[in-house]
Amino acid sequence: MSETSEKDSTPTPEEAREPRFREVVISVLAAALGVQSSKNRERDFTKGNPLVFIAAGLIFTILFVLTLIGVVNLIL
């Protein structure tokens, strides 16, 4: 066995934890724009809680729609 195989198989504490609030927000915004990196997408799908991402996506969508309604009402 080489040292690299042992080192690669042991996750660092940062890799083992769930995404933080800031990371969830950035992932949702990046996904909405379609620019999510494969590294972040893989982290989200393997370590993230799906309910957190669903809730964040719904909140983002509601805020986005309300912002559009507000802008349209300002113009009209």
N, C-alpha and C. Protein backbone atom coordinates (compact mmCIF):
# COMPACT_ATOMS: atom_id res chain seq x y z
N MET A 1 0.83 -1.19 0.00
CA MET A 1 0.00 0.00 0.00
C MET A 1 0.87 1.24 0.00
N SER A 2 0.46 2.19 -0.77
CA SER A 2 1.21 3.44 -0.78
C SER A 2 0.56 4.45 0.15
N GLU A 3 1.31 5.47 0.48
CA GLU A 3 0.80 6.50 1.38
C GLU A 3 -0.34 7.29 0.76
N THR A 4 -0.33 7.46 -0.54
CA THR A 4 -1.37 8.26 -1.19
C THR A 4 -2.73 7.59 -1.12
N SER A 5 -2.79 6.25 -1.21
CA SER A 5 -4.09 5.58 -1.14
C SER A 5 -4.69 5.70 0.25
N GLU A 6 -3.85 5.62 1.30
CA GLU A 6 -4.35 5.79 2.65
C GLU A 6 -4.78 7.23 2.89
N LYS A 7 -4.03 8.15 2.36
CA LYS A 7 -4.35 9.56 2.55
C LYS A 7 -5.63 9.93 1.81
N ASP A 8 -5.85 9.37 0.61
CA ASP A 8 -7.04 9.68 -0.17
C ASP A 8 -8.31 9.11 0.45
N SER A 9 -8.22 7.97 1.14
CA SER A 9 -9.41 7.33 1.67
C SER A 9 -9.90 7.96 2.97
N THR A 10 -9.08 8.72 3.65
CA THR A 10 -9.47 9.34 4.91
C THR A 10 -10.00 10.75 4.65
N PRO A 11 -11.30 10.97 4.89
CA PRO A 11 -11.83 12.31 4.65
C PRO A 11 -11.35 13.29 5.72
N THR A 12 -11.09 14.50 5.29
CA THR A 12 -10.74 15.55 6.23
C THR A 12 -12.00 15.98 6.96
N PRO A 13 -11.87 16.63 8.12
CA PRO A 13 -13.07 17.08 8.84
C PRO A 13 -13.96 17.99 7.99
N GLU A 14 -13.37 18.80 7.13
CA GLU A 14 -14.17 19.68 6.28
C GLU A 14 -14.95 18.90 5.23
N GLU A 15 -14.37 17.81 4.73
CA GLU A 15 -15.05 16.99 3.72
C GLU A 15 -16.17 16.16 4.35
N ALA A 16 -16.06 15.81 5.63
CA ALA A 16 -17.02 14.92 6.28
C ALA A 16 -18.26 15.66 6.77
N ARG A 17 -18.23 16.95 6.90
CA ARG A 17 -19.36 17.69 7.47
C ARG A 17 -20.38 18.06 6.40
N GLU A 18 -21.58 18.39 6.87
CA GLU A 18 -22.62 18.86 5.95
C GLU A 18 -22.31 20.29 5.53
N PRO A 19 -22.84 20.71 4.38
CA PRO A 19 -22.61 22.10 3.95
C PRO A 19 -23.19 23.10 4.95
N ARG A 20 -22.47 24.18 5.16
CA ARG A 20 -22.93 25.24 6.06
C ARG A 20 -23.97 26.09 5.36
N PHE A 21 -24.61 26.98 6.14
CA PHE A 21 -25.67 27.84 5.62
C PHE A 21 -25.20 28.62 4.40
N ARG A 22 -24.03 29.23 4.50
CA ARG A 22 -23.49 30.03 3.40
C ARG A 22 -23.28 29.16 2.15
N GLU A 23 -22.78 27.96 2.34
CA GLU A 23 -22.55 27.05 1.22
C GLU A 23 -23.86 26.60 0.57
N VAL A 24 -24.89 26.42 1.39
CA VAL A 24 -26.20 26.05 0.85
C VAL A 24 -26.76 27.19 0.01
N VAL A 25 -26.66 28.42 0.52
CA VAL A 25 -27.16 29.59 -0.22
C VAL A 25 -26.42 29.74 -1.54
N ILE A 26 -25.10 29.63 -1.51
CA ILE A 26 -24.30 29.75 -2.73
C ILE A 26 -24.65 28.63 -3.71
N SER A 27 -24.87 27.42 -3.21
CA SER A 27 -25.23 26.31 -4.09
C SER A 27 -26.58 26.53 -4.74
N VAL A 28 -27.54 27.04 -3.98
CA VAL A 28 -28.87 27.29 -4.54
C VAL A 28 -28.81 28.40 -5.60
N LEU A 29 -28.08 29.47 -5.31
CA LEU A 29 -27.95 30.56 -6.29
C LEU A 29 -27.22 30.08 -7.54
N ALA A 30 -26.16 29.31 -7.37
CA ALA A 30 -25.41 28.80 -8.52
C ALA A 30 -26.27 27.84 -9.34
N ALA A 31 -27.05 27.02 -8.67
CA ALA A 31 -27.93 26.09 -9.39
C ALA A 31 -29.01 26.86 -10.15
N ALA A 32 -29.52 27.94 -9.55
CA ALA A 32 -30.55 28.74 -10.23
C ALA A 32 -29.99 29.39 -11.50
N LEU A 33 -28.72 29.76 -11.46
CA LEU A 33 -28.09 30.37 -12.62
C LEU A 33 -27.50 29.33 -13.58
N GLY A 34 -27.41 28.09 -13.12
CA GLY A 34 -26.88 27.02 -13.96
C GLY A 34 -25.37 26.99 -14.04
N VAL A 35 -24.69 27.48 -13.01
CA VAL A 35 -23.23 27.53 -13.03
C VAL A 35 -22.61 26.76 -11.87
N GLN A 36 -23.31 25.78 -11.33
CA GLN A 36 -22.81 25.00 -10.20
C GLN A 36 -21.61 24.16 -10.63
N SER A 37 -20.53 24.21 -9.86
CA SER A 37 -19.37 23.39 -10.19
C SER A 37 -19.65 21.93 -9.83
N SER A 38 -19.01 21.03 -10.53
CA SER A 38 -19.25 19.61 -10.28
C SER A 38 -18.77 19.21 -8.88
N LYS A 39 -17.72 19.86 -8.39
CA LYS A 39 -17.22 19.56 -7.05
C LYS A 39 -18.27 19.93 -6.00
N ASN A 40 -18.86 21.11 -6.11
CA ASN A 40 -19.89 21.54 -5.16
C ASN A 40 -21.16 20.71 -5.30
N ARG A 41 -21.53 20.38 -6.53
CA ARG A 41 -22.72 19.56 -6.75
C ARG A 41 -22.54 18.19 -6.11
N GLU A 42 -21.36 17.61 -6.28
CA GLU A 42 -21.08 16.30 -5.67
C GLU A 42 -21.13 16.40 -4.15
N ARG A 43 -20.57 17.45 -3.58
CA ARG A 43 -20.61 17.66 -2.12
C ARG A 43 -22.06 17.77 -1.64
N ASP A 44 -22.87 18.53 -2.37
CA ASP A 44 -24.26 18.72 -1.98
C ASP A 44 -25.04 17.42 -2.01
N PHE A 45 -24.83 16.61 -3.04
CA PHE A 45 -25.58 15.37 -3.17
C PHE A 45 -25.10 14.27 -2.22
N THR A 46 -23.84 14.29 -1.83
CA THR A 46 -23.33 13.23 -0.97
C THR A 46 -23.43 13.57 0.51
N LYS A 47 -23.26 14.82 0.87
CA LYS A 47 -23.20 15.18 2.28
C LYS A 47 -24.34 16.09 2.74
N GLY A 48 -25.08 16.66 1.80
CA GLY A 48 -26.13 17.59 2.17
C GLY A 48 -27.46 16.92 2.45
N ASN A 49 -28.27 17.58 3.25
CA ASN A 49 -29.61 17.11 3.55
C ASN A 49 -30.55 17.63 2.46
N PRO A 50 -31.26 16.77 1.75
CA PRO A 50 -32.11 17.22 0.65
C PRO A 50 -33.19 18.22 1.10
N LEU A 51 -33.71 18.05 2.31
CA LEU A 51 -34.75 18.96 2.78
C LEU A 51 -34.24 20.39 2.93
N VAL A 52 -32.99 20.54 3.31
CA VAL A 52 -32.40 21.87 3.44
C VAL A 52 -32.33 22.54 2.07
N PHE A 53 -31.92 21.79 1.05
CA PHE A 53 -31.81 22.36 -0.28
C PHE A 53 -33.18 22.64 -0.89
N ILE A 54 -34.16 21.78 -0.61
CA ILE A 54 -35.51 22.02 -1.10
C ILE A 54 -36.09 23.27 -0.47
N ALA A 55 -35.93 23.43 0.84
CA ALA A 55 -36.42 24.61 1.53
C ALA A 55 -35.73 25.88 1.03
N ALA A 56 -34.41 25.82 0.86
CA ALA A 56 -33.67 26.97 0.36
C ALA A 56 -34.10 27.32 -1.06
N GLY A 57 -34.34 26.31 -1.89
CA GLY A 57 -34.81 26.55 -3.25
C GLY A 57 -36.18 27.18 -3.28
N LEU A 58 -37.09 26.71 -2.42
CA LEU A 58 -38.43 27.30 -2.35
C LEU A 58 -38.38 28.75 -1.86
N ILE A 59 -37.58 29.01 -0.84
CA ILE A 59 -37.44 30.38 -0.33
C ILE A 59 -36.87 31.28 -1.42
N PHE A 60 -35.84 30.81 -2.13
CA PHE A 60 -35.26 31.60 -3.21
C PHE A 60 -36.29 31.90 -4.29
N THR A 61 -37.08 30.88 -4.67
CA THR A 61 -38.08 31.05 -5.72
C THR A 61 -39.14 32.06 -5.30
N ILE A 62 -39.61 31.96 -4.06
CA ILE A 62 -40.62 32.90 -3.57
C ILE A 62 -40.07 34.33 -3.56
N LEU A 63 -38.85 34.50 -3.06
CA LEU A 63 -38.23 35.83 -3.05
C LEU A 63 -38.03 36.37 -4.45
N PHE A 64 -37.64 35.51 -5.37
CA PHE A 64 -37.43 35.92 -6.75
C PHE A 64 -38.74 36.39 -7.38
N VAL A 65 -39.80 35.63 -7.19
CA VAL A 65 -41.10 35.99 -7.76
C VAL A 65 -41.61 37.29 -7.13
N LEU A 66 -41.48 37.44 -5.81
CA LEU A 66 -41.92 38.67 -5.16
C LEU A 66 -41.11 39.87 -5.63
N THR A 67 -39.82 39.68 -5.88
CA THR A 67 -39.00 40.76 -6.41
C THR A 67 -39.46 41.16 -7.81
N LEU A 68 -39.75 40.18 -8.64
CA LEU A 68 -40.26 40.49 -9.99
C LEU A 68 -41.59 41.23 -9.93
N ILE A 69 -42.48 40.80 -9.05
CA ILE A 69 -43.78 41.49 -8.90
C ILE A 69 -43.56 42.92 -8.43
N GLY A 70 -42.64 43.12 -7.50
CA GLY A 70 -42.34 44.47 -7.00
C GLY A 70 -41.76 45.36 -8.09
N VAL A 71 -40.87 44.84 -8.90
CA VAL A 71 -40.28 45.63 -9.98
C VAL A 71 -41.34 46.00 -11.01
N VAL A 72 -42.20 45.05 -11.36
CA VAL A 72 -43.26 45.32 -12.32
C VAL A 72 -44.21 46.37 -11.77
N ASN A 73 -44.56 46.30 -10.50
CA ASN A 73 -45.46 47.29 -9.90
C ASN A 73 -44.81 48.67 -9.86
N LEU A 74 -43.51 48.75 -9.69
CA LEU A 74 -42.82 50.05 -9.70
C LEU A 74 -42.85 50.66 -11.11
N ILE A 75 -42.73 49.83 -12.11
CA ILE A 75 -42.72 50.32 -13.49
C ILE A 75 -44.11 50.77 -13.92
N LEU A 76 -45.11 50.02 -13.53
CA LEU A 76 -46.48 50.36 -13.91
C LEU A 76 -46.98 51.39 -12.97
